[in-house]
Structures are given as C-alpha cells and as structure tokens.
C-alpha atoms as a PDB file:
ATOM      1  CA  UNK A   1      -7.638  -4.720   6.710  1.00  0.00           C
ATOM      2  CA  UNK A   2     -11.190  -5.644   5.625  1.00  0.00           C
ATOM      3  CA  UNK A   3     -11.111  -2.974   2.893  1.00  0.00           C
ATOM      4  CA  UNK A   4      -7.857  -4.412   1.569  1.00  0.00           C
ATOM      5  CA  UNK A   5      -9.349  -7.896   1.378  1.00  0.00           C
ATOM      6  CA  UNK A   6     -12.374  -6.568  -0.483  1.00  0.00           C
ATOM      7  CA  UNK A   7     -10.195  -4.669  -2.971  1.00  0.00           C
ATOM      8  CA  UNK A   8      -8.015  -7.740  -3.519  1.00  0.00           C
ATOM      9  CA  UNK A   9     -11.105  -9.887  -4.151  1.00  0.00           C
ATOM     10  CA  UNK A  10     -12.511  -7.359  -6.628  1.00  0.00           C
ATOM     11  CA  UNK A  11      -9.234  -7.162  -8.518  1.00  0.00           C
ATOM     12  CA  UNK A  12      -9.311 -10.932  -9.034  1.00  0.00           C
ATOM     13  CA  UNK A  13     -12.739 -10.666 -10.671  1.00  0.00           C
ATOM     14  CA  UNK A  14     -11.324  -8.584 -13.528  1.00  0.00           C
ATOM     15  CA  UNK A  15     -10.624 -10.235 -16.898  1.00  0.00           C
ATOM     16  CA  UNK A  16      -6.959 -11.363 -17.080  1.00  0.00           C
ATOM     17  CA  UNK A  17      -4.580  -8.676 -18.345  1.00  0.00           C
ATOM     18  CA  UNK A  18      -3.046  -9.390 -21.733  1.00  0.00           C
ATOM     19  CA  UNK A  19      -0.002  -8.382 -23.802  1.00  0.00           C
ATOM     20  CA  UNK A  20       2.182  -7.624 -20.833  1.00  0.00           C
ATOM     21  CA  UNK A  21       3.912  -9.331 -17.942  1.00  0.00           C
ATOM     22  CA  UNK A  22       4.305  -9.388 -14.187  1.00  0.00           C
ATOM     23  CA  UNK A  23       7.638  -9.481 -12.376  1.00  0.00           C
ATOM     24  CA  UNK A  24       7.912 -11.389  -9.101  1.00  0.00           C
ATOM     25  CA  UNK A  25      10.601 -10.312  -6.597  1.00  0.00           C
ATOM     26  CA  UNK A  26      12.507 -12.779  -4.426  1.00  0.00           C
ATOM     27  CA  UNK A  27      15.536 -12.341  -2.209  1.00  0.00           C
ATOM     28  CA  UNK A  28      16.787 -15.355  -0.241  1.00  0.00           C
ATOM     29  CA  UNK A  29      15.759 -19.012  -0.724  1.00  0.00           C
ATOM     30  CA  UNK A  30      16.978 -21.360   2.014  1.00  0.00           C
ATOM     31  CA  UNK A  31      15.701 -23.626   4.819  1.00  0.00           C
ATOM     32  CA  UNK A  32      14.392 -21.621   7.764  1.00  0.00           C
ATOM     33  CA  UNK A  33      12.706 -24.098  10.112  1.00  0.00           C
ATOM     34  CA  UNK A  34       9.251 -23.448  11.547  1.00  0.00           C
ATOM     35  CA  UNK A  35       9.352 -19.649  11.261  1.00  0.00           C
ATOM     36  CA  UNK A  36      11.367 -17.544   8.824  1.00  0.00           C
ATOM     37  CA  UNK A  37      13.741 -15.128  10.616  1.00  0.00           C
ATOM     38  CA  UNK A  38      13.113 -12.605   7.836  1.00  0.00           C
ATOM     39  CA  UNK A  39      10.111 -11.893   5.599  1.00  0.00           C
ATOM     40  CA  UNK A  40      12.507 -12.116   2.654  1.00  0.00           C
ATOM     41  CA  UNK A  41      13.751 -15.679   3.268  1.00  0.00           C
ATOM     42  CA  UNK A  42      11.629 -18.231   1.390  1.00  0.00           C
ATOM     43  CA  UNK A  43      11.887 -21.914   2.297  1.00  0.00           C
ATOM     44  CA  UNK A  44      12.974 -24.015  -0.732  1.00  0.00           C
ATOM     45  CA  UNK A  45       9.891 -26.244  -0.434  1.00  0.00           C
ATOM     46  CA  UNK A  46       7.655 -23.176  -0.492  1.00  0.00           C
ATOM     47  CA  UNK A  47       9.547 -21.781  -3.488  1.00  0.00           C
ATOM     48  CA  UNK A  48       9.326 -25.147  -5.274  1.00  0.00           C
ATOM     49  CA  UNK A  49       5.538 -25.248  -4.777  1.00  0.00           C
ATOM     50  CA  UNK A  50       5.243 -21.770  -6.260  1.00  0.00           C
ATOM     51  CA  UNK A  51       7.312 -22.706  -9.324  1.00  0.00           C
ATOM     52  CA  UNK A  52       5.321 -25.906  -9.745  1.00  0.00           C
ATOM     53  CA  UNK A  53       2.067 -23.942  -9.604  1.00  0.00           C
ATOM     54  CA  UNK A  54       3.298 -21.553 -12.313  1.00  0.00           C
ATOM     55  CA  UNK A  55       4.193 -24.520 -14.523  1.00  0.00           C
ATOM     56  CA  UNK A  56       0.956 -26.427 -13.879  1.00  0.00           C
ATOM     57  CA  UNK A  57      -1.175 -23.344 -14.564  1.00  0.00           C
ATOM     58  CA  UNK A  58       0.715 -22.841 -17.841  1.00  0.00           C
ATOM     59  CA  UNK A  59       2.206 -19.449 -17.009  1.00  0.00           C
ATOM     60  CA  UNK A  60       4.873 -18.429 -19.487  1.00  0.00           C
ATOM     61  CA  UNK A  61       7.936 -17.723 -17.328  1.00  0.00           C
ATOM     62  CA  UNK A  62      10.477 -15.856 -19.456  1.00  0.00           C
ATOM     63  CA  UNK A  63      13.605 -13.781 -18.967  1.00  0.00           C
ATOM     64  CA  UNK A  64      13.181 -10.067 -18.333  1.00  0.00           C
ATOM     65  CA  UNK A  65      15.251  -9.109 -21.362  1.00  0.00           C
ATOM     66  CA  UNK A  66      13.139 -11.258 -23.679  1.00  0.00           C
ATOM     67  CA  UNK A  67       9.871  -9.837 -22.281  1.00  0.00           C
ATOM     68  CA  UNK A  68      11.119  -6.291 -22.817  1.00  0.00           C
ATOM     69  CA  UNK A  69      12.425  -7.070 -26.293  1.00  0.00           C
ATOM     70  CA  UNK A  70       9.109  -8.612 -27.325  1.00  0.00           C
ATOM     71  CA  UNK A  71       7.258  -5.453 -26.329  1.00  0.00           C
ATOM     72  CA  UNK A  72       9.911  -3.247 -27.942  1.00  0.00           C
ATOM     73  CA  UNK A  73       9.386  -5.016 -31.263  1.00  0.00           C
ATOM     74  CA  UNK A  74       5.656  -4.436 -30.997  1.00  0.00           C
ATOM     75  CA  UNK A  75       4.958  -8.159 -30.734  1.00  0.00           C
ATOM     76  CA  UNK A  76       2.431  -9.685 -28.360  1.00  0.00           C
ATOM     77  CA  UNK A  77       3.267 -11.579 -25.187  1.00  0.00           C
ATOM     78  CA  UNK A  78       1.394 -14.744 -24.309  1.00  0.00           C
ATOM     79  CA  UNK A  79      -1.278 -14.251 -21.652  1.00  0.00           C
ATOM     80  CA  UNK A  80       0.097 -15.170 -18.238  1.00  0.00           C
ATOM     81  CA  UNK A  81       3.688 -14.108 -18.923  1.00  0.00           C
ATOM     82  CA  UNK A  82       5.759 -13.875 -15.738  1.00  0.00           C
ATOM     83  CA  UNK A  83       9.361 -12.870 -14.958  1.00  0.00           C
ATOM     84  CA  UNK A  84      11.317 -14.041 -11.897  1.00  0.00           C
ATOM     85  CA  UNK A  85      13.725 -11.570 -10.280  1.00  0.00           C
ATOM     86  CA  UNK A  86      16.052 -11.859  -7.281  1.00  0.00           C
ATOM     87  CA  UNK A  87      17.402  -8.800  -5.471  1.00  0.00           C
ATOM     88  CA  UNK A  88      20.722  -8.559  -3.569  1.00  0.00           C
ATOM     89  CA  UNK A  89      22.460 -11.722  -4.834  1.00  0.00           C
ATOM     90  CA  UNK A  90      22.195 -14.115  -1.895  1.00  0.00           C
ATOM     91  CA  UNK A  91      24.441 -17.181  -2.070  1.00  0.00           C
ATOM     92  CA  UNK A  92      21.463 -19.471  -1.573  1.00  0.00           C
ATOM     93  CA  UNK A  93      20.094 -18.363  -4.950  1.00  0.00           C
ATOM     94  CA  UNK A  94      22.794 -20.617  -6.405  1.00  0.00           C
ATOM     95  CA  UNK A  95      22.439 -23.404  -3.845  1.00  0.00           C
ATOM     96  CA  UNK A  96      18.660 -23.748  -3.657  1.00  0.00           C
ATOM     97  CA  UNK A  97      16.919 -21.653  -6.320  1.00  0.00           C
ATOM     98  CA  UNK A  98      18.964 -22.754  -9.344  1.00  0.00           C
ATOM     99  CA  UNK A  99      18.043 -26.472  -9.178  1.00  0.00           C
ATOM    100  CA  UNK A 100      14.352 -25.629  -8.766  1.00  0.00           C
ATOM    101  CA  UNK A 101      14.052 -23.159 -11.639  1.00  0.00           C
ATOM    102  CA  UNK A 102      16.209 -25.399 -13.845  1.00  0.00           C
ATOM    103  CA  UNK A 103      13.618 -28.156 -13.369  1.00  0.00           C
ATOM    104  CA  UNK A 104      11.095 -25.996 -15.216  1.00  0.00           C
ATOM    105  CA  UNK A 105      13.422 -24.222 -17.641  1.00  0.00           C
ATOM    106  CA  UNK A 106      12.856 -20.809 -16.042  1.00  0.00           C
ATOM    107  CA  UNK A 107      15.413 -17.999 -16.522  1.00  0.00           C
ATOM    108  CA  UNK A 108      15.452 -15.450 -13.652  1.00  0.00           C
ATOM    109  CA  UNK A 109      17.413 -12.228 -13.343  1.00  0.00           C
ATOM    110  CA  UNK A 110      19.523 -11.505 -10.256  1.00  0.00           C
ATOM    111  CA  UNK A 111      20.419  -7.929  -9.262  1.00  0.00           C
ATOM    112  CA  UNK A 112      23.900  -7.690  -7.743  1.00  0.00           C
ATOM    113  CA  UNK A 113      25.908  -5.325  -5.526  1.00  0.00           C
ATOM    114  CA  UNK A 114      29.488  -6.087  -6.612  1.00  0.00           C
ATOM    115  CA  UNK A 115      31.189  -4.230  -3.726  1.00  0.00           C
ATOM    116  CA  UNK A 116      29.461  -6.681  -1.349  1.00  0.00           C
ATOM    117  CA  UNK A 117      30.463  -9.911  -3.095  1.00  0.00           C
ATOM    118  CA  UNK A 118      31.213 -12.649  -0.553  1.00  0.00           C
ATOM    119  CA  UNK A 119      29.980 -10.761   2.510  1.00  0.00           C
ATOM    120  CA  UNK A 120      28.375 -12.753   5.337  1.00  0.00           C
ATOM    121  CA  UNK A 121      24.955 -12.172   6.826  1.00  0.00           C
ATOM    122  CA  UNK A 122      24.857  -8.768   8.529  1.00  0.00           C
ATOM    123  CA  UNK A 123      24.433  -5.018   8.218  1.00  0.00           C
ATOM    124  CA  UNK A 124      26.314  -2.935   5.667  1.00  0.00           C
ATOM    125  CA  UNK A 125      25.427   0.724   5.971  1.00  0.00           C
ATOM    126  CA  UNK A 126      21.772   1.084   4.953  1.00  0.00           C
ATOM    127  CA  UNK A 127      21.469  -2.576   4.045  1.00  0.00           C
ATOM    128  CA  UNK A 128      20.933  -5.706   6.130  1.00  0.00           C
ATOM    129  CA  UNK A 129      21.262  -9.060   4.409  1.00  0.00           C
ATOM    130  CA  UNK A 130      19.693 -11.989   6.268  1.00  0.00           C
ATOM    131  CA  UNK A 131      21.756 -14.432   4.200  1.00  0.00           C
ATOM    132  CA  UNK A 132      25.393 -14.523   2.974  1.00  0.00           C
ATOM    133  CA  UNK A 133      25.987 -12.964  -0.445  1.00  0.00           C
ATOM    134  CA  UNK A 134      27.425 -14.499  -3.592  1.00  0.00           C
ATOM    135  CA  UNK A 135      31.154 -14.365  -4.215  1.00  0.00           C
ATOM    136  CA  UNK A 136      32.414 -13.282  -7.624  1.00  0.00           C
ATOM    137  CA  UNK A 137      32.987 -16.907  -8.678  1.00  0.00           C
ATOM    138  CA  UNK A 138      29.521 -17.908  -7.479  1.00  0.00           C
ATOM    139  CA  UNK A 139      27.981 -15.036  -9.445  1.00  0.00           C
ATOM    140  CA  UNK A 140      29.810 -16.334 -12.523  1.00  0.00           C
ATOM    141  CA  UNK A 141      28.347 -19.758 -11.823  1.00  0.00           C
ATOM    142  CA  UNK A 142      24.843 -18.255 -11.819  1.00  0.00           C
ATOM    143  CA  UNK A 143      25.541 -16.750 -15.235  1.00  0.00           C
ATOM    144  CA  UNK A 144      26.717 -20.148 -16.496  1.00  0.00           C
ATOM    145  CA  UNK A 145      23.443 -21.564 -15.174  1.00  0.00           C
ATOM    146  CA  UNK A 146      21.668 -19.217 -17.591  1.00  0.00           C
ATOM    147  CA  UNK A 147      20.595 -16.470 -15.210  1.00  0.00           C
ATOM    148  CA  UNK A 148      20.568 -12.847 -16.305  1.00  0.00           C
ATOM    149  CA  UNK A 149      22.402 -10.253 -14.208  1.00  0.00           C
ATOM    150  CA  UNK A 150      21.414  -6.690 -13.414  1.00  0.00           C
ATOM    151  CA  UNK A 151      22.805  -3.844 -11.300  1.00  0.00           C
ATOM    152  CA  UNK A 152      21.623  -3.041  -7.762  1.00  0.00           C
ATOM    153  CA  UNK A 153      24.236  -0.349  -6.908  1.00  0.00           C
ATOM    154  CA  UNK A 154      27.696  -1.014  -5.572  1.00  0.00           C
ATOM    155  CA  UNK A 155      26.802  -1.280  -1.853  1.00  0.00           C
ATOM    156  CA  UNK A 156      22.995  -1.363  -1.709  1.00  0.00           C
ATOM    157  CA  UNK A 157      22.805   2.210  -0.436  1.00  0.00           C
ATOM    158  CA  UNK A 158      19.645   4.268  -0.314  1.00  0.00           C
ATOM    159  CA  UNK A 159      19.816   6.557  -3.317  1.00  0.00           C
ATOM    160  CA  UNK A 160      16.941   8.880  -2.472  1.00  0.00           C
ATOM    161  CA  UNK A 161      18.036  11.652  -0.145  1.00  0.00           C
ATOM    162  CA  UNK A 162      21.020  13.936  -0.054  1.00  0.00           C
ATOM    163  CA  UNK A 163      23.687  11.979  -1.919  1.00  0.00           C
ATOM    164  CA  UNK A 164      25.933  14.020  -4.195  1.00  0.00           C
ATOM    165  CA  UNK A 165      25.948  13.468  -7.947  1.00  0.00           C
ATOM    166  CA  UNK A 166      29.412  11.901  -7.558  1.00  0.00           C
ATOM    167  CA  UNK A 167      28.089   9.370  -5.037  1.00  0.00           C
ATOM    168  CA  UNK A 168      25.157   8.521  -7.262  1.00  0.00           C
ATOM    169  CA  UNK A 169      27.436   8.040 -10.252  1.00  0.00           C
ATOM    170  CA  UNK A 170      29.674   5.739  -8.208  1.00  0.00           C
ATOM    171  CA  UNK A 171      26.809   3.618  -6.902  1.00  0.00           C
ATOM    172  CA  UNK A 172      24.859   3.419 -10.176  1.00  0.00           C
ATOM    173  CA  UNK A 173      27.461   3.678 -12.917  1.00  0.00           C
ATOM    174  CA  UNK A 174      30.219   2.103 -10.834  1.00  0.00           C
ATOM    175  CA  UNK A 175      28.000  -0.905 -10.293  1.00  0.00           C
ATOM    176  CA  UNK A 176      27.628  -1.541 -14.003  1.00  0.00           C
ATOM    177  CA  UNK A 177      31.352  -1.066 -14.597  1.00  0.00           C
ATOM    178  CA  UNK A 178      32.267  -3.425 -11.734  1.00  0.00           C
ATOM    179  CA  UNK A 179      29.933  -6.145 -13.002  1.00  0.00           C
ATOM    180  CA  UNK A 180      31.519  -5.836 -16.434  1.00  0.00           C
ATOM    181  CA  UNK A 181      35.046  -5.990 -15.020  1.00  0.00           C
ATOM    182  CA  UNK A 182      34.449  -8.746 -12.461  1.00  0.00           C
ATOM    183  CA  UNK A 183      31.996 -10.952 -14.327  1.00  0.00           C
ATOM    184  CA  UNK A 184      32.457 -10.030 -17.977  1.00  0.00           C
ATOM    185  CA  UNK A 185      28.722  -9.306 -18.162  1.00  0.00           C
ATOM    186  CA  UNK A 186      27.011  -6.187 -19.481  1.00  0.00           C
ATOM    187  CA  UNK A 187      24.280  -5.452 -16.932  1.00  0.00           C
ATOM    188  CA  UNK A 188      21.658  -3.502 -18.866  1.00  0.00           C
ATOM    189  CA  UNK A 189      18.849  -3.572 -16.293  1.00  0.00           C
ATOM    190  CA  UNK A 190      18.870  -1.898 -12.885  1.00  0.00           C
ATOM    191  CA  UNK A 191      16.921  -2.472  -9.674  1.00  0.00           C
ATOM    192  CA  UNK A 192      16.437   0.461  -7.293  1.00  0.00           C
ATOM    193  CA  UNK A 193      17.617  -0.454  -3.748  1.00  0.00           C
ATOM    194  CA  UNK A 194      14.653  -0.717  -1.372  1.00  0.00           C
ATOM    195  CA  UNK A 195      12.517   0.050  -4.430  1.00  0.00           C
ATOM    196  CA  UNK A 196      13.039   3.774  -3.831  1.00  0.00           C
ATOM    197  CA  UNK A 197      13.680   6.240  -6.644  1.00  0.00           C
ATOM    198  CA  UNK A 198      12.806   9.688  -7.929  1.00  0.00           C
ATOM    199  CA  UNK A 199      13.386  11.761 -11.056  1.00  0.00           C
ATOM    200  CA  UNK A 200      17.048  12.462 -10.216  1.00  0.00           C
ATOM    201  CA  UNK A 201      17.812   8.779  -9.549  1.00  0.00           C
ATOM    202  CA  UNK A 202      16.039   7.670 -12.706  1.00  0.00           C
ATOM    203  CA  UNK A 203      17.979  10.153 -14.822  1.00  0.00           C
ATOM    204  CA  UNK A 204      21.230   8.888 -13.288  1.00  0.00           C
ATOM    205  CA  UNK A 205      20.339   5.296 -14.198  1.00  0.00           C
ATOM    206  CA  UNK A 206      19.546   6.351 -17.772  1.00  0.00           C
ATOM    207  CA  UNK A 207      22.762   8.369 -18.029  1.00  0.00           C
ATOM    208  CA  UNK A 208      24.845   5.304 -17.230  1.00  0.00           C
ATOM    209  CA  UNK A 209      23.426   3.310 -20.105  1.00  0.00           C
ATOM    210  CA  UNK A 210      20.953   1.026 -18.413  1.00  0.00           C
ATOM    211  CA  UNK A 211      18.021   0.175 -20.656  1.00  0.00           C
ATOM    212  CA  UNK A 212      15.381  -0.417 -17.951  1.00  0.00           C
ATOM    213  CA  UNK A 213      14.937  -0.297 -14.185  1.00  0.00           C
ATOM    214  CA  UNK A 214      12.770  -2.154 -11.671  1.00  0.00           C
ATOM    215  CA  UNK A 215      10.778  -0.695  -8.795  1.00  0.00           C
ATOM    216  CA  UNK A 216       8.681  -2.392  -6.124  1.00  0.00           C
ATOM    217  CA  UNK A 217       5.504  -0.638  -7.247  1.00  0.00           C
ATOM    218  CA  UNK A 218       2.811  -3.266  -7.741  1.00  0.00           C
ATOM    219  CA  UNK A 219       1.355  -3.650 -11.195  1.00  0.00           C
ATOM    220  CA  UNK A 220       1.327  -5.077 -14.689  1.00  0.00           C
ATOM    221  CA  UNK A 221       3.912  -4.102 -17.310  1.00  0.00           C
ATOM    222  CA  UNK A 222       2.838  -3.261 -20.861  1.00  0.00           C
ATOM    223  CA  UNK A 223       4.483  -1.469 -23.783  1.00  0.00           C
ATOM    224  CA  UNK A 224       3.074   1.802 -22.433  1.00  0.00           C
ATOM    225  CA  UNK A 225       4.871   1.542 -19.071  1.00  0.00           C
ATOM    226  CA  UNK A 226       7.978   3.656 -18.500  1.00  0.00           C
ATOM    227  CA  UNK A 227      10.848   1.154 -18.787  1.00  0.00           C
ATOM    228  CA  UNK A 228      12.615   2.850 -15.894  1.00  0.00           C
ATOM    229  CA  UNK A 229       9.617   2.310 -13.633  1.00  0.00           C
ATOM    230  CA  UNK A 230       8.931  -1.396 -14.177  1.00  0.00           C
ATOM    231  CA  UNK A 231       6.413  -2.764 -11.701  1.00  0.00           C
ATOM    232  CA  UNK A 232       7.058  -5.806  -9.534  1.00  0.00           C
ATOM    233  CA  UNK A 233       5.339  -7.874  -6.851  1.00  0.00           C
ATOM    234  CA  UNK A 234       7.367  -8.809  -3.744  1.00  0.00           C
ATOM    235  CA  UNK A 235       6.983 -12.416  -2.604  1.00  0.00           C
ATOM    236  CA  UNK A 236       7.431 -12.931   1.157  1.00  0.00           C
ATOM    237  CA  UNK A 237       7.855 -15.830   3.575  1.00  0.00           C
ATOM    238  CA  UNK A 238       4.344 -15.283   4.949  1.00  0.00           C
ATOM    239  CA  UNK A 239       2.726 -15.859   1.537  1.00  0.00           C
ATOM    240  CA  UNK A 240       1.022 -19.244   1.453  1.00  0.00           C
ATOM    241  CA  UNK A 241       0.141 -20.714  -1.923  1.00  0.00           C
ATOM    242  CA  UNK A 242      -3.259 -19.029  -1.938  1.00  0.00           C
ATOM    243  CA  UNK A 243      -1.676 -15.620  -1.319  1.00  0.00           C
ATOM    244  CA  UNK A 244       0.911 -16.353  -4.001  1.00  0.00           C
ATOM    245  CA  UNK A 245      -1.963 -17.012  -6.428  1.00  0.00           C
ATOM    246  CA  UNK A 246      -3.502 -13.645  -5.546  1.00  0.00           C
ATOM    247  CA  UNK A 247      -0.265 -11.779  -6.135  1.00  0.00           C
ATOM    248  CA  UNK A 248       0.420 -13.422  -9.489  1.00  0.00           C
ATOM    249  CA  UNK A 249      -3.135 -12.749 -10.619  1.00  0.00           C
ATOM    250  CA  UNK A 250      -2.885  -9.037  -9.809  1.00  0.00           C
ATOM    251  CA  UNK A 251      -5.022  -8.839  -6.676  1.00  0.00           C
ATOM    252  CA  UNK A 252      -2.796  -6.094  -5.253  1.00  0.00           C
ATOM    253  CA  UNK A 253      -2.292  -3.931  -8.329  1.00  0.00           C
ATOM    254  CA  UNK A 254      -4.371  -1.237  -6.631  1.00  0.00           C
ATOM    255  CA  UNK A 255      -1.538  -0.644  -4.165  1.00  0.00           C
ATOM    256  CA  UNK A 256       0.724   0.414  -6.999  1.00  0.00           C
ATOM    257  CA  UNK A 257      -1.808   2.988  -8.148  1.00  0.00           C
ATOM    258  CA  UNK A 258      -1.718   4.857  -4.837  1.00  0.00           C
ATOM    259  CA  UNK A 259       2.067   4.582  -4.551  1.00  0.00           C
ATOM    260  CA  UNK A 260       2.496   5.980  -8.056  1.00  0.00           C
ATOM    261  CA  UNK A 261       0.262   8.934  -7.242  1.00  0.00           C
ATOM    262  CA  UNK A 262       2.405   9.727  -4.198  1.00  0.00           C
ATOM    263  CA  UNK A 263       5.584   9.337  -6.248  1.00  0.00           C
ATOM    264  CA  UNK A 264       4.263  11.725  -8.903  1.00  0.00           C
ATOM    265  CA  UNK A 265       3.688  14.398  -6.253  1.00  0.00           C
ATOM    266  CA  UNK A 266       7.187  13.908  -4.850  1.00  0.00           C
ATOM    267  CA  UNK A 267       8.770  14.111  -8.292  1.00  0.00           C
ATOM    268  CA  UNK A 268       6.798  17.247  -9.087  1.00  0.00           C
ATOM    269  CA  UNK A 269       8.250  18.843  -5.957  1.00  0.00           C
ATOM    270  CA  UNK A 270      11.764  17.792  -6.968  1.00  0.00           C
ATOM    271  CA  UNK A 271      11.314  19.205 -10.475  1.00  0.00           C
ATOM    272  CA  UNK A 272      10.055  22.497  -9.077  1.00  0.00           C
ATOM    273  CA  UNK A 273      13.015  22.726  -6.712  1.00  0.00           C
ATOM    274  CA  UNK A 274      15.694  21.860  -9.282  1.00  0.00           C
ATOM    275  CA  UNK A 275      14.370  23.370 -12.482  1.00  0.00           C
ATOM    276  CA  UNK A 276      12.279  26.403 -11.558  1.00  0.00           C
ATOM    277  CA  UNK A 277      13.760  29.874 -12.303  1.00  0.00           C
ATOM    278  CA  UNK A 278      15.588  31.402  -9.355  1.00  0.00           C
END
C-alpha cells in the first residue's frame, strides 16, 4: 500500500501530459445514503462536485468521438482534455447525471446492452447491475439530451474465455445491430465488458465495424495509442475529491503499464496457439 502511495505521488510530479485525453468511467449515479451498496454507485452530490471541479479547473470535457476525430486529423487537443463515459446504461444516468452534466455543457458517452433494456437491479448471467437499466425509450431520451451511445455487448457477457465465434458475433455485432434497430443510432465505439479483452475479441470488434474500443487499463490516450485499446480511469464511490483529483491528473497511470505487459503476454500465447503451424 505504501509503495502505491509513493508511486501515485511521483506520477503527480510529472509535467502534465499534452495532446491527448483521459477517459473517466462511471456506472450508476443515484442517492445511496451514508454508505454506497456498490463501489460503482456514485452519489449525485459527489458526482456534481467532481463535475464542478473539472469546470473550475478549466478541463476541456469533450465527447469521445470529437476527441478521436481531432487526433485522427492530426490536430492538437487542448491540455487537460477529458471524456466522460458511462458503462451499462443505468436508468439513473438519465435521472441524475443528465441534469448535472447539462449544467456544464458536457457530452458523455453511454455504453449499452440492448438485450437488457428495462431490466431491474439484479444478476443476469455474468453481470450484476446494482441499479435498474434504461428502457429503450429512456435510452432514446439520453440521445435527445445529446449523449453519445456505444456498444457494450447484447447481455454484458464475459467475452474472454471459451465462447464460440458465433456467440462473439452475436454479442458484439448483434449489439451494434440492435442499437441501430431499436434506437436509430449507429454505435461506432465499443466498451469491453468488465474491461476484459484479447486479440480474438479485438478482431471481432473490428470486424463488426466499430471504429474504437474502450478498456479499463489506466492511462493517457494519444494519437499513437491503439484505438481498440483506449485507456480509461474507473471512478468509484470511495473516491473523495482528493482521490478524484489524483485519478484525473494521472497518478495511477503506472497501473496500466503493468496490466498492459500482462495482456501482451496473454495475447502472445493466444497468437501462438491459434496461428502457429500444426
């Protein structure tokens, strides 16, 4: 624990990173009382303080598509560019998060599982949602509020493992098709469920026409980063405003480095298994 604190402190001493952006990950935003029943439920007052801090410190909070397009064109992003993302599509994103981000003109992206639209709090296969999920009409309302929409598989299943290519195609490609059919929205960005992916999963996402994909690997995104391995920072209920500052300023980027090294080894093993001569 002490080593982690020292590393975090050292990371904050670095000069600010430029010409890139950080993505923050949220899930549920709703009142929770004294103690949050889940690390992924943020109290609206806590969320509002975080958004206020971003505005007061002059962070440039932009949509994910615009950040990616700016880098694609070879243009420079303003220092302190941040993107807000929401995984799973909780109903409270509409109820509580929308009014707060609208106050500051922020445009988040929400990653949806269309086969779970309207489901109550509970467990669905691999996935447990601590808050009810958006209905189709509520998801449309989010789009009207200016939010971007991305794919998060059909049913929030774990993709890494022993799923057949047909199952992967259904979860990944079927998700994009369902969002188009149900919402009339072309979801061009994907978020890996549980943040887990490998070479096979990434190739499946690319095959179904997505233009980028988000992980939960900590870090800073530049033009050199693989667009199908975008780095994000998860914001949790336990994060006070000081910890939020640390995360936004990159104090935990070092964690992403070690996770990426492990992922590279795993992908090398997968490549050897699938593509080596028999």
